[in-house]
Amino acid sequence: MSLLARRLPLTARRCAKTRGAGGGGSFFAEGKHEPGGNLFGETPPPPGQSRKWESWEGPWYFTFGAATAMLTIGLSARPDSSLTAWADRQAAAKRAAA
Protein backbone atom coordinates (compact mmCIF):
# COMPACT_ATOMS: atom_id res chain seq x y z
CA MET A 1 0.00 0.00 0.00
CA SER A 2 1.43 3.36 -1.00
CA LEU A 3 1.94 6.26 1.34
CA LEU A 4 -0.89 8.21 -0.29
CA ALA A 5 -3.34 5.32 0.05
CA ARG A 6 -2.48 5.00 3.71
CA ARG A 7 -3.28 8.65 4.33
CA LEU A 8 -6.65 8.63 2.54
CA PRO A 9 -9.67 7.85 4.65
CA LEU A 10 -11.36 4.53 4.04
CA THR A 11 -14.37 6.08 2.27
CA ALA A 12 -12.14 7.87 -0.24
CA ARG A 13 -10.32 4.63 -1.02
CA ARG A 14 -13.63 2.84 -1.57
CA CYS A 15 -14.90 5.57 -3.94
CA ALA A 16 -11.69 5.44 -5.95
CA LYS A 17 -12.07 1.70 -6.44
CA THR A 18 -15.75 1.84 -7.37
CA ARG A 19 -15.23 4.65 -9.88
CA GLY A 20 -12.55 2.72 -11.71
CA ALA A 21 -9.49 4.74 -10.73
CA GLY A 22 -7.57 1.69 -9.73
CA GLY A 23 -8.15 -1.80 -11.03
CA GLY A 24 -7.80 -1.33 -14.79
CA GLY A 25 -11.43 -0.48 -15.35
CA SER A 26 -10.96 3.22 -15.94
CA PHE A 27 -11.57 5.07 -19.18
CA PHE A 28 -7.87 5.73 -19.71
CA ALA A 29 -6.73 2.18 -19.01
CA GLU A 30 -4.36 0.56 -21.50
CA GLY A 31 -5.96 -1.28 -24.36
CA LYS A 32 -9.23 0.63 -24.22
CA HIS A 33 -8.58 2.92 -27.22
CA GLU A 34 -6.32 1.45 -29.82
CA PRO A 35 -5.35 3.93 -32.53
CA GLY A 36 -6.79 3.07 -35.91
CA GLY A 37 -4.80 5.58 -37.96
CA ASN A 38 -7.83 7.20 -39.59
CA LEU A 39 -8.95 10.68 -38.62
CA PHE A 40 -12.51 10.55 -37.23
CA GLY A 41 -12.71 6.89 -38.28
CA GLU A 42 -13.00 7.88 -41.96
CA THR A 43 -11.17 5.76 -44.49
CA PRO A 44 -9.16 7.83 -46.96
CA PRO A 45 -10.31 7.88 -50.60
CA PRO A 46 -8.38 5.92 -53.19
CA PRO A 47 -5.38 7.69 -54.77
CA GLY A 48 -6.39 10.21 -57.42
CA GLN A 49 -9.86 10.81 -55.98
CA SER A 50 -10.95 13.59 -53.67
CA ARG A 51 -13.04 13.13 -50.60
CA LYS A 52 -16.79 13.60 -51.19
CA TRP A 53 -18.45 16.15 -48.94
CA GLU A 54 -21.34 15.06 -46.77
CA SER A 55 -24.70 16.81 -47.06
CA TRP A 56 -24.19 19.04 -44.00
CA GLU A 57 -20.71 20.35 -44.87
CA GLY A 58 -21.68 22.89 -47.56
CA PRO A 59 -24.29 24.72 -45.45
CA TRP A 60 -22.00 24.51 -42.41
CA TYR A 61 -19.08 26.24 -44.17
CA PHE A 62 -21.36 28.79 -45.84
CA THR A 63 -23.07 29.68 -42.55
CA PHE A 64 -19.84 30.13 -40.63
CA GLY A 65 -18.25 32.09 -43.47
CA ALA A 66 -21.26 34.41 -43.67
CA ALA A 67 -21.34 34.84 -39.88
CA THR A 68 -17.63 35.68 -39.84
CA ALA A 69 -18.07 38.24 -42.62
CA MET A 70 -21.09 39.80 -40.92
CA LEU A 71 -19.31 40.05 -37.58
CA THR A 72 -16.15 41.47 -39.14
CA ILE A 73 -18.02 44.12 -41.12
CA GLY A 74 -20.62 44.79 -38.43
CA LEU A 75 -18.19 45.17 -35.55
CA SER A 76 -15.86 47.41 -37.54
CA ALA A 77 -18.77 49.70 -38.54
CA ARG A 78 -20.44 49.98 -35.14
CA PRO A 79 -20.77 53.43 -33.60
CA ASP A 80 -18.29 54.45 -30.93
CA SER A 81 -20.28 54.22 -27.70
CA SER A 82 -17.43 54.31 -25.21
CA LEU A 83 -17.59 56.56 -22.18
CA THR A 84 -14.58 58.61 -23.28
CA ALA A 85 -16.12 59.26 -26.73
CA TRP A 86 -19.33 60.47 -25.07
CA ALA A 87 -17.35 62.72 -22.72
CA ASP A 88 -15.38 64.14 -25.67
CA ARG A 89 -18.61 64.96 -27.51
CA GLN A 90 -20.06 66.62 -24.39
CA ALA A 91 -16.91 68.65 -23.83
CA ALA A 92 -16.85 69.76 -27.47
CA ALA A 93 -20.52 70.81 -27.22
CA LYS A 94 -19.85 72.82 -24.05
CA ARG A 95 -16.80 74.48 -25.64
CA ALA A 96 -18.86 75.39 -28.70
CA ALA A 97 -21.66 76.81 -26.53
CA ALA A 98 -19.29 78.96 -24.46
C-alpha atoms as a PDB file:
ATOM      1  CA  MET A   1       0.000   0.000   0.000  1.00  0.00           C
ATOM      2  CA  SER A   2       1.427   3.356  -0.998  1.00  0.00           C
ATOM      3  CA  LEU A   3       1.936   6.262   1.342  1.00  0.00           C
ATOM      4  CA  LEU A   4      -0.891   8.207  -0.286  1.00  0.00           C
ATOM      5  CA  ALA A   5      -3.338   5.324   0.048  1.00  0.00           C
ATOM      6  CA  ARG A   6      -2.476   4.995   3.714  1.00  0.00           C
ATOM      7  CA  ARG A   7      -3.281   8.654   4.327  1.00  0.00           C
ATOM      8  CA  LEU A   8      -6.649   8.626   2.545  1.00  0.00           C
ATOM      9  CA  PRO A   9      -9.672   7.849   4.653  1.00  0.00           C
ATOM     10  CA  LEU A  10     -11.360   4.526   4.036  1.00  0.00           C
ATOM     11  CA  THR A  11     -14.371   6.080   2.270  1.00  0.00           C
ATOM     12  CA  ALA A  12     -12.140   7.872  -0.243  1.00  0.00           C
ATOM     13  CA  ARG A  13     -10.318   4.629  -1.020  1.00  0.00           C
ATOM     14  CA  ARG A  14     -13.632   2.838  -1.567  1.00  0.00           C
ATOM     15  CA  CYS A  15     -14.902   5.574  -3.940  1.00  0.00           C
ATOM     16  CA  ALA A  16     -11.690   5.438  -5.952  1.00  0.00           C
ATOM     17  CA  LYS A  17     -12.068   1.702  -6.445  1.00  0.00           C
ATOM     18  CA  THR A  18     -15.751   1.841  -7.371  1.00  0.00           C
ATOM     19  CA  ARG A  19     -15.228   4.646  -9.880  1.00  0.00           C
ATOM     20  CA  GLY A  20     -12.548   2.722 -11.713  1.00  0.00           C
ATOM     21  CA  ALA A  21      -9.492   4.742 -10.729  1.00  0.00           C
ATOM     22  CA  GLY A  22      -7.570   1.693  -9.728  1.00  0.00           C
ATOM     23  CA  GLY A  23      -8.150  -1.801 -11.033  1.00  0.00           C
ATOM     24  CA  GLY A  24      -7.799  -1.328 -14.791  1.00  0.00           C
ATOM     25  CA  GLY A  25     -11.428  -0.481 -15.346  1.00  0.00           C
ATOM     26  CA  SER A  26     -10.959   3.222 -15.939  1.00  0.00           C
ATOM     27  CA  PHE A  27     -11.575   5.068 -19.175  1.00  0.00           C
ATOM     28  CA  PHE A  28      -7.868   5.726 -19.709  1.00  0.00           C
ATOM     29  CA  ALA A  29      -6.729   2.176 -19.012  1.00  0.00           C
ATOM     30  CA  GLU A  30      -4.361   0.559 -21.499  1.00  0.00           C
ATOM     31  CA  GLY A  31      -5.964  -1.279 -24.360  1.00  0.00           C
ATOM     32  CA  LYS A  32      -9.227   0.632 -24.220  1.00  0.00           C
ATOM     33  CA  HIS A  33      -8.584   2.922 -27.217  1.00  0.00           C
ATOM     34  CA  GLU A  34      -6.323   1.451 -29.824  1.00  0.00           C
ATOM     35  CA  PRO A  35      -5.348   3.928 -32.527  1.00  0.00           C
ATOM     36  CA  GLY A  36      -6.790   3.068 -35.913  1.00  0.00           C
ATOM     37  CA  GLY A  37      -4.796   5.578 -37.958  1.00  0.00           C
ATOM     38  CA  ASN A  38      -7.834   7.199 -39.590  1.00  0.00           C
ATOM     39  CA  LEU A  39      -8.946  10.682 -38.619  1.00  0.00           C
ATOM     40  CA  PHE A  40     -12.511  10.552 -37.227  1.00  0.00           C
ATOM     41  CA  GLY A  41     -12.710   6.892 -38.275  1.00  0.00           C
ATOM     42  CA  GLU A  42     -13.002   7.885 -41.961  1.00  0.00           C
ATOM     43  CA  THR A  43     -11.173   5.764 -44.488  1.00  0.00           C
ATOM     44  CA  PRO A  44      -9.156   7.828 -46.960  1.00  0.00           C
ATOM     45  CA  PRO A  45     -10.313   7.883 -50.601  1.00  0.00           C
ATOM     46  CA  PRO A  46      -8.378   5.916 -53.195  1.00  0.00           C
ATOM     47  CA  PRO A  47      -5.379   7.685 -54.774  1.00  0.00           C
ATOM     48  CA  GLY A  48      -6.394  10.211 -57.419  1.00  0.00           C
ATOM     49  CA  GLN A  49      -9.865  10.808 -55.983  1.00  0.00           C
ATOM     50  CA  SER A  50     -10.947  13.589 -53.665  1.00  0.00           C
ATOM     51  CA  ARG A  51     -13.042  13.135 -50.595  1.00  0.00           C
ATOM     52  CA  LYS A  52     -16.786  13.600 -51.185  1.00  0.00           C
ATOM     53  CA  TRP A  53     -18.448  16.152 -48.942  1.00  0.00           C
ATOM     54  CA  GLU A  54     -21.337  15.062 -46.771  1.00  0.00           C
ATOM     55  CA  SER A  55     -24.698  16.807 -47.059  1.00  0.00           C
ATOM     56  CA  TRP A  56     -24.192  19.037 -44.004  1.00  0.00           C
ATOM     57  CA  GLU A  57     -20.709  20.347 -44.868  1.00  0.00           C
ATOM     58  CA  GLY A  58     -21.681  22.894 -47.557  1.00  0.00           C
ATOM     59  CA  PRO A  59     -24.294  24.716 -45.450  1.00  0.00           C
ATOM     60  CA  TRP A  60     -22.001  24.505 -42.414  1.00  0.00           C
ATOM     61  CA  TYR A  61     -19.077  26.235 -44.167  1.00  0.00           C
ATOM     62  CA  PHE A  62     -21.358  28.792 -45.840  1.00  0.00           C
ATOM     63  CA  THR A  63     -23.069  29.681 -42.546  1.00  0.00           C
ATOM     64  CA  PHE A  64     -19.844  30.127 -40.628  1.00  0.00           C
ATOM     65  CA  GLY A  65     -18.252  32.087 -43.471  1.00  0.00           C
ATOM     66  CA  ALA A  66     -21.256  34.412 -43.668  1.00  0.00           C
ATOM     67  CA  ALA A  67     -21.337  34.837 -39.879  1.00  0.00           C
ATOM     68  CA  THR A  68     -17.626  35.678 -39.837  1.00  0.00           C
ATOM     69  CA  ALA A  69     -18.066  38.240 -42.618  1.00  0.00           C
ATOM     70  CA  MET A  70     -21.091  39.802 -40.922  1.00  0.00           C
ATOM     71  CA  LEU A  71     -19.306  40.050 -37.581  1.00  0.00           C
ATOM     72  CA  THR A  72     -16.149  41.473 -39.142  1.00  0.00           C
ATOM     73  CA  ILE A  73     -18.017  44.123 -41.116  1.00  0.00           C
ATOM     74  CA  GLY A  74     -20.616  44.789 -38.428  1.00  0.00           C
ATOM     75  CA  LEU A  75     -18.194  45.165 -35.553  1.00  0.00           C
ATOM     76  CA  SER A  76     -15.859  47.414 -37.538  1.00  0.00           C
ATOM     77  CA  ALA A  77     -18.767  49.700 -38.535  1.00  0.00           C
ATOM     78  CA  ARG A  78     -20.441  49.981 -35.142  1.00  0.00           C
ATOM     79  CA  PRO A  79     -20.767  53.426 -33.596  1.00  0.00           C
ATOM     80  CA  ASP A  80     -18.286  54.450 -30.933  1.00  0.00           C
ATOM     81  CA  SER A  81     -20.276  54.219 -27.704  1.00  0.00           C
ATOM     82  CA  SER A  82     -17.433  54.305 -25.205  1.00  0.00           C
ATOM     83  CA  LEU A  83     -17.593  56.556 -22.183  1.00  0.00           C
ATOM     84  CA  THR A  84     -14.578  58.612 -23.281  1.00  0.00           C
ATOM     85  CA  ALA A  85     -16.117  59.259 -26.729  1.00  0.00           C
ATOM     86  CA  TRP A  86     -19.326  60.468 -25.069  1.00  0.00           C
ATOM     87  CA  ALA A  87     -17.346  62.720 -22.723  1.00  0.00           C
ATOM     88  CA  ASP A  88     -15.376  64.140 -25.672  1.00  0.00           C
ATOM     89  CA  ARG A  89     -18.609  64.960 -27.507  1.00  0.00           C
ATOM     90  CA  GLN A  90     -20.057  66.617 -24.390  1.00  0.00           C
ATOM     91  CA  ALA A  91     -16.910  68.645 -23.825  1.00  0.00           C
ATOM     92  CA  ALA A  92     -16.850  69.760 -27.465  1.00  0.00           C
ATOM     93  CA  ALA A  93     -20.517  70.808 -27.218  1.00  0.00           C
ATOM     94  CA  LYS A  94     -19.847  72.823 -24.050  1.00  0.00           C
ATOM     95  CA  ARG A  95     -16.796  74.483 -25.638  1.00  0.00           C
ATOM     96  CA  ALA A  96     -18.862  75.387 -28.701  1.00  0.00           C
ATOM     97  CA  ALA A  97     -21.659  76.805 -26.530  1.00  0.00           C
ATOM     98  CA  ALA A  98     -19.294  78.961 -24.463  1.00  0.00           C
END
